[in-house]
Amino acid sequence: MNDMNQNGSDLNSEGMNQNDSFMQNDSFMNQNNGNMGAMTDQVIATDFLVSAKTGVKNLAVAVTEASTPEVREALKQYLNDAVETHERISNYMVDKGYYHPDNLKEQLNVDLQATQTALNLRQS
């Protein structure tokens, strides 16, 4: 059973509230993972970009198969929004150095580095 501190927050068995415990674990993870914060950001951004690209493709197909002008127009708006989202994610990734759409050699280096990092994680 948890006790309460002076502020009324629950304390765990070590006498820390949940926020203190979370911050301690987060700090521990950052110390042990070094560059993992940046790698995690890159992985999330890449996954988001791939998902946005899939959404664009699916919406484009849906527009061609819409049965009424009203549905077609709604889907076109969704498609435009999806393209804008894809662009924003792409720009973010370019700004962070995660994505090099105009430089295949540099993109290959980024991809190889991400692959090596993933393989190193598996071994540790």
C-alpha atoms as a PDB file:
ATOM      1  CA  MET A   1       0.000   0.000   0.000  1.00  0.00           C
ATOM      2  CA  ASN A   2       1.272   3.467  -0.819  1.00  0.00           C
ATOM      3  CA  ASP A   3       1.626   6.237   1.755  1.00  0.00           C
ATOM      4  CA  MET A   4       0.895   9.899   1.118  1.00  0.00           C
ATOM      5  CA  ASN A   5       3.419  12.739   1.180  1.00  0.00           C
ATOM      6  CA  GLN A   6       2.643  16.218   2.498  1.00  0.00           C
ATOM      7  CA  ASN A   7       1.067  17.257  -0.808  1.00  0.00           C
ATOM      8  CA  GLY A   8      -1.284  14.286  -0.812  1.00  0.00           C
ATOM      9  CA  SER A   9       0.582  12.440  -3.600  1.00  0.00           C
ATOM     10  CA  ASP A  10       0.998   8.696  -3.383  1.00  0.00           C
ATOM     11  CA  LEU A  11       4.456   7.489  -2.385  1.00  0.00           C
ATOM     12  CA  ASN A  12       5.921   4.201  -3.575  1.00  0.00           C
ATOM     13  CA  SER A  13       7.918   1.775  -1.418  1.00  0.00           C
ATOM     14  CA  GLU A  14      11.094   3.886  -1.881  1.00  0.00           C
ATOM     15  CA  GLY A  15       9.327   6.995  -0.580  1.00  0.00           C
ATOM     16  CA  MET A  16       9.069   8.653  -4.012  1.00  0.00           C
ATOM     17  CA  ASN A  17       5.925   9.809  -5.694  1.00  0.00           C
ATOM     18  CA  GLN A  18       5.172   8.551  -9.208  1.00  0.00           C
ATOM     19  CA  ASN A  19       6.612  11.650 -10.896  1.00  0.00           C
ATOM     20  CA  ASP A  20       9.913  11.383  -8.986  1.00  0.00           C
ATOM     21  CA  SER A  21      10.155   7.710  -9.854  1.00  0.00           C
ATOM     22  CA  PHE A  22       9.409   8.402 -13.530  1.00  0.00           C
ATOM     23  CA  MET A  23      11.998  11.180 -13.691  1.00  0.00           C
ATOM     24  CA  GLN A  24      14.598   8.932 -12.073  1.00  0.00           C
ATOM     25  CA  ASN A  25      13.873   6.133 -14.579  1.00  0.00           C
ATOM     26  CA  ASP A  26      13.913   8.589 -17.486  1.00  0.00           C
ATOM     27  CA  SER A  27      17.266   9.979 -16.358  1.00  0.00           C
ATOM     28  CA  PHE A  28      18.639   6.453 -15.990  1.00  0.00           C
ATOM     29  CA  MET A  29      17.496   5.559 -19.508  1.00  0.00           C
ATOM     30  CA  ASN A  30      19.069   8.681 -20.993  1.00  0.00           C
ATOM     31  CA  GLN A  31      22.390   7.975 -19.250  1.00  0.00           C
ATOM     32  CA  ASN A  32      22.469   4.406 -20.479  1.00  0.00           C
ATOM     33  CA  ASN A  33      21.291   5.063 -24.004  1.00  0.00           C
ATOM     34  CA  GLY A  34      23.438   8.040 -24.971  1.00  0.00           C
ATOM     35  CA  ASN A  35      22.143   9.033 -28.404  1.00  0.00           C
ATOM     36  CA  MET A  36      18.966   6.980 -28.102  1.00  0.00           C
ATOM     37  CA  GLY A  37      16.830  10.118 -27.702  1.00  0.00           C
ATOM     38  CA  ALA A  38      17.863  11.331 -31.140  1.00  0.00           C
ATOM     39  CA  MET A  39      17.544   7.835 -32.597  1.00  0.00           C
ATOM     40  CA  THR A  40      14.075   7.454 -31.115  1.00  0.00           C
ATOM     41  CA  ASP A  41      13.082  10.811 -32.603  1.00  0.00           C
ATOM     42  CA  GLN A  42      14.388   9.681 -35.983  1.00  0.00           C
ATOM     43  CA  VAL A  43      12.552   6.352 -35.786  1.00  0.00           C
ATOM     44  CA  ILE A  44       9.281   8.043 -34.821  1.00  0.00           C
ATOM     45  CA  ALA A  45       9.636  10.668 -37.554  1.00  0.00           C
ATOM     46  CA  THR A  46      10.445   8.006 -40.161  1.00  0.00           C
ATOM     47  CA  ASP A  47       7.474   5.902 -39.123  1.00  0.00           C
ATOM     48  CA  PHE A  48       5.232   8.979 -39.248  1.00  0.00           C
ATOM     49  CA  LEU A  49       6.557   9.846 -42.731  1.00  0.00           C
ATOM     50  CA  VAL A  50       5.925   6.324 -44.042  1.00  0.00           C
ATOM     51  CA  SER A  51       2.422   6.372 -42.539  1.00  0.00           C
ATOM     52  CA  ALA A  52       1.688   9.773 -44.082  1.00  0.00           C
ATOM     53  CA  LYS A  53       2.899   8.522 -47.466  1.00  0.00           C
ATOM     54  CA  THR A  54       0.629   5.480 -47.175  1.00  0.00           C
ATOM     55  CA  GLY A  55      -2.279   7.777 -46.297  1.00  0.00           C
ATOM     56  CA  VAL A  56      -1.629   9.892 -49.398  1.00  0.00           C
ATOM     57  CA  LYS A  57      -1.636   6.787 -51.602  1.00  0.00           C
ATOM     58  CA  ASN A  58      -4.817   5.398 -50.051  1.00  0.00           C
ATOM     59  CA  LEU A  59      -6.657   8.709 -50.300  1.00  0.00           C
ATOM     60  CA  ALA A  60      -5.636   9.129 -53.941  1.00  0.00           C
ATOM     61  CA  VAL A  61      -7.139   5.731 -54.731  1.00  0.00           C
ATOM     62  CA  ALA A  62     -10.269   6.565 -52.724  1.00  0.00           C
ATOM     63  CA  VAL A  63     -10.763   9.811 -54.688  1.00  0.00           C
ATOM     64  CA  THR A  64     -10.794   7.839 -57.943  1.00  0.00           C
ATOM     65  CA  GLU A  65     -13.338   5.401 -56.559  1.00  0.00           C
ATOM     66  CA  ALA A  66     -15.697   7.875 -54.886  1.00  0.00           C
ATOM     67  CA  SER A  67     -19.284   7.381 -55.959  1.00  0.00           C
ATOM     68  CA  THR A  68     -20.585  10.933 -55.471  1.00  0.00           C
ATOM     69  CA  PRO A  69     -19.169  14.408 -56.096  1.00  0.00           C
ATOM     70  CA  GLU A  70     -19.624  15.289 -52.414  1.00  0.00           C
ATOM     71  CA  VAL A  71     -17.579  12.311 -51.229  1.00  0.00           C
ATOM     72  CA  ARG A  72     -14.978  12.990 -53.910  1.00  0.00           C
ATOM     73  CA  GLU A  73     -14.589  16.615 -52.760  1.00  0.00           C
ATOM     74  CA  ALA A  74     -14.296  15.588 -49.109  1.00  0.00           C
ATOM     75  CA  LEU A  75     -11.639  13.025 -50.005  1.00  0.00           C
ATOM     76  CA  LYS A  76      -9.766  15.600 -52.092  1.00  0.00           C
ATOM     77  CA  GLN A  77      -9.593  17.876 -49.062  1.00  0.00           C
ATOM     78  CA  TYR A  78      -8.326  14.994 -46.924  1.00  0.00           C
ATOM     79  CA  LEU A  79      -5.780  14.237 -49.647  1.00  0.00           C
ATOM     80  CA  ASN A  80      -4.565  17.842 -49.674  1.00  0.00           C
ATOM     81  CA  ASP A  81      -4.263  17.765 -45.878  1.00  0.00           C
ATOM     82  CA  ALA A  82      -2.331  14.483 -46.044  1.00  0.00           C
ATOM     83  CA  VAL A  83       0.074  15.905 -48.641  1.00  0.00           C
ATOM     84  CA  GLU A  84       0.652  18.970 -46.425  1.00  0.00           C
ATOM     85  CA  THR A  85       1.297  16.715 -43.422  1.00  0.00           C
ATOM     86  CA  HIS A  86       3.767  14.657 -45.442  1.00  0.00           C
ATOM     87  CA  GLU A  87       5.552  17.847 -46.484  1.00  0.00           C
ATOM     88  CA  ARG A  88       5.777  19.090 -42.894  1.00  0.00           C
ATOM     89  CA  ILE A  89       7.203  15.775 -41.694  1.00  0.00           C
ATOM     90  CA  SER A  90       9.677  15.702 -44.595  1.00  0.00           C
ATOM     91  CA  ASN A  91      10.829  19.243 -43.850  1.00  0.00           C
ATOM     92  CA  TYR A  92      11.246  18.388 -40.165  1.00  0.00           C
ATOM     93  CA  MET A  93      13.347  15.351 -41.039  1.00  0.00           C
ATOM     94  CA  VAL A  94      15.481  17.321 -43.499  1.00  0.00           C
ATOM     95  CA  ASP A  95      16.042  20.052 -40.891  1.00  0.00           C
ATOM     96  CA  LYS A  96      17.114  17.431 -38.331  1.00  0.00           C
ATOM     97  CA  GLY A  97      19.414  15.664 -40.833  1.00  0.00           C
ATOM     98  CA  TYR A  98      17.355  12.461 -40.791  1.00  0.00           C
ATOM     99  CA  TYR A  99      16.239  12.633 -44.413  1.00  0.00           C
ATOM    100  CA  HIS A 100      18.174  13.596 -47.549  1.00  0.00           C
ATOM    101  CA  PRO A 101      15.787  13.228 -50.505  1.00  0.00           C
ATOM    102  CA  ASP A 102      18.161  15.042 -52.893  1.00  0.00           C
ATOM    103  CA  ASN A 103      21.374  13.275 -51.855  1.00  0.00           C
ATOM    104  CA  LEU A 104      21.261   9.497 -52.212  1.00  0.00           C
ATOM    105  CA  LYS A 105      24.795   8.977 -50.859  1.00  0.00           C
ATOM    106  CA  GLU A 106      24.069  10.973 -47.690  1.00  0.00           C
ATOM    107  CA  GLN A 107      20.718   9.204 -47.220  1.00  0.00           C
ATOM    108  CA  LEU A 108      22.482   5.857 -47.539  1.00  0.00           C
ATOM    109  CA  ASN A 109      24.934   6.915 -44.808  1.00  0.00           C
ATOM    110  CA  VAL A 110      22.059   7.919 -42.505  1.00  0.00           C
ATOM    111  CA  ASP A 111      20.261   4.632 -43.176  1.00  0.00           C
ATOM    112  CA  LEU A 112      23.422   2.578 -42.567  1.00  0.00           C
ATOM    113  CA  GLN A 113      24.072   4.417 -39.300  1.00  0.00           C
ATOM    114  CA  ALA A 114      20.495   3.787 -38.137  1.00  0.00           C
ATOM    115  CA  THR A 115      20.845   0.122 -39.076  1.00  0.00           C
ATOM    116  CA  GLN A 116      24.118  -0.208 -37.167  1.00  0.00           C
ATOM    117  CA  THR A 117      22.578   1.452 -34.117  1.00  0.00           C
ATOM    118  CA  ALA A 118      19.650  -0.976 -34.234  1.00  0.00           C
ATOM    119  CA  LEU A 119      22.026  -3.944 -34.507  1.00  0.00           C
ATOM    120  CA  ASN A 120      24.087  -2.651 -31.573  1.00  0.00           C
ATOM    121  CA  LEU A 121      20.938  -2.375 -29.451  1.00  0.00           C
ATOM    122  CA  ARG A 122      20.097  -5.974 -30.157  1.00  0.00           C
ATOM    123  CA  GLN A 123      23.526  -7.093 -28.953  1.00  0.00           C
ATOM    124  CA  SER A 124      23.424  -5.169 -25.670  1.00  0.00           C
END
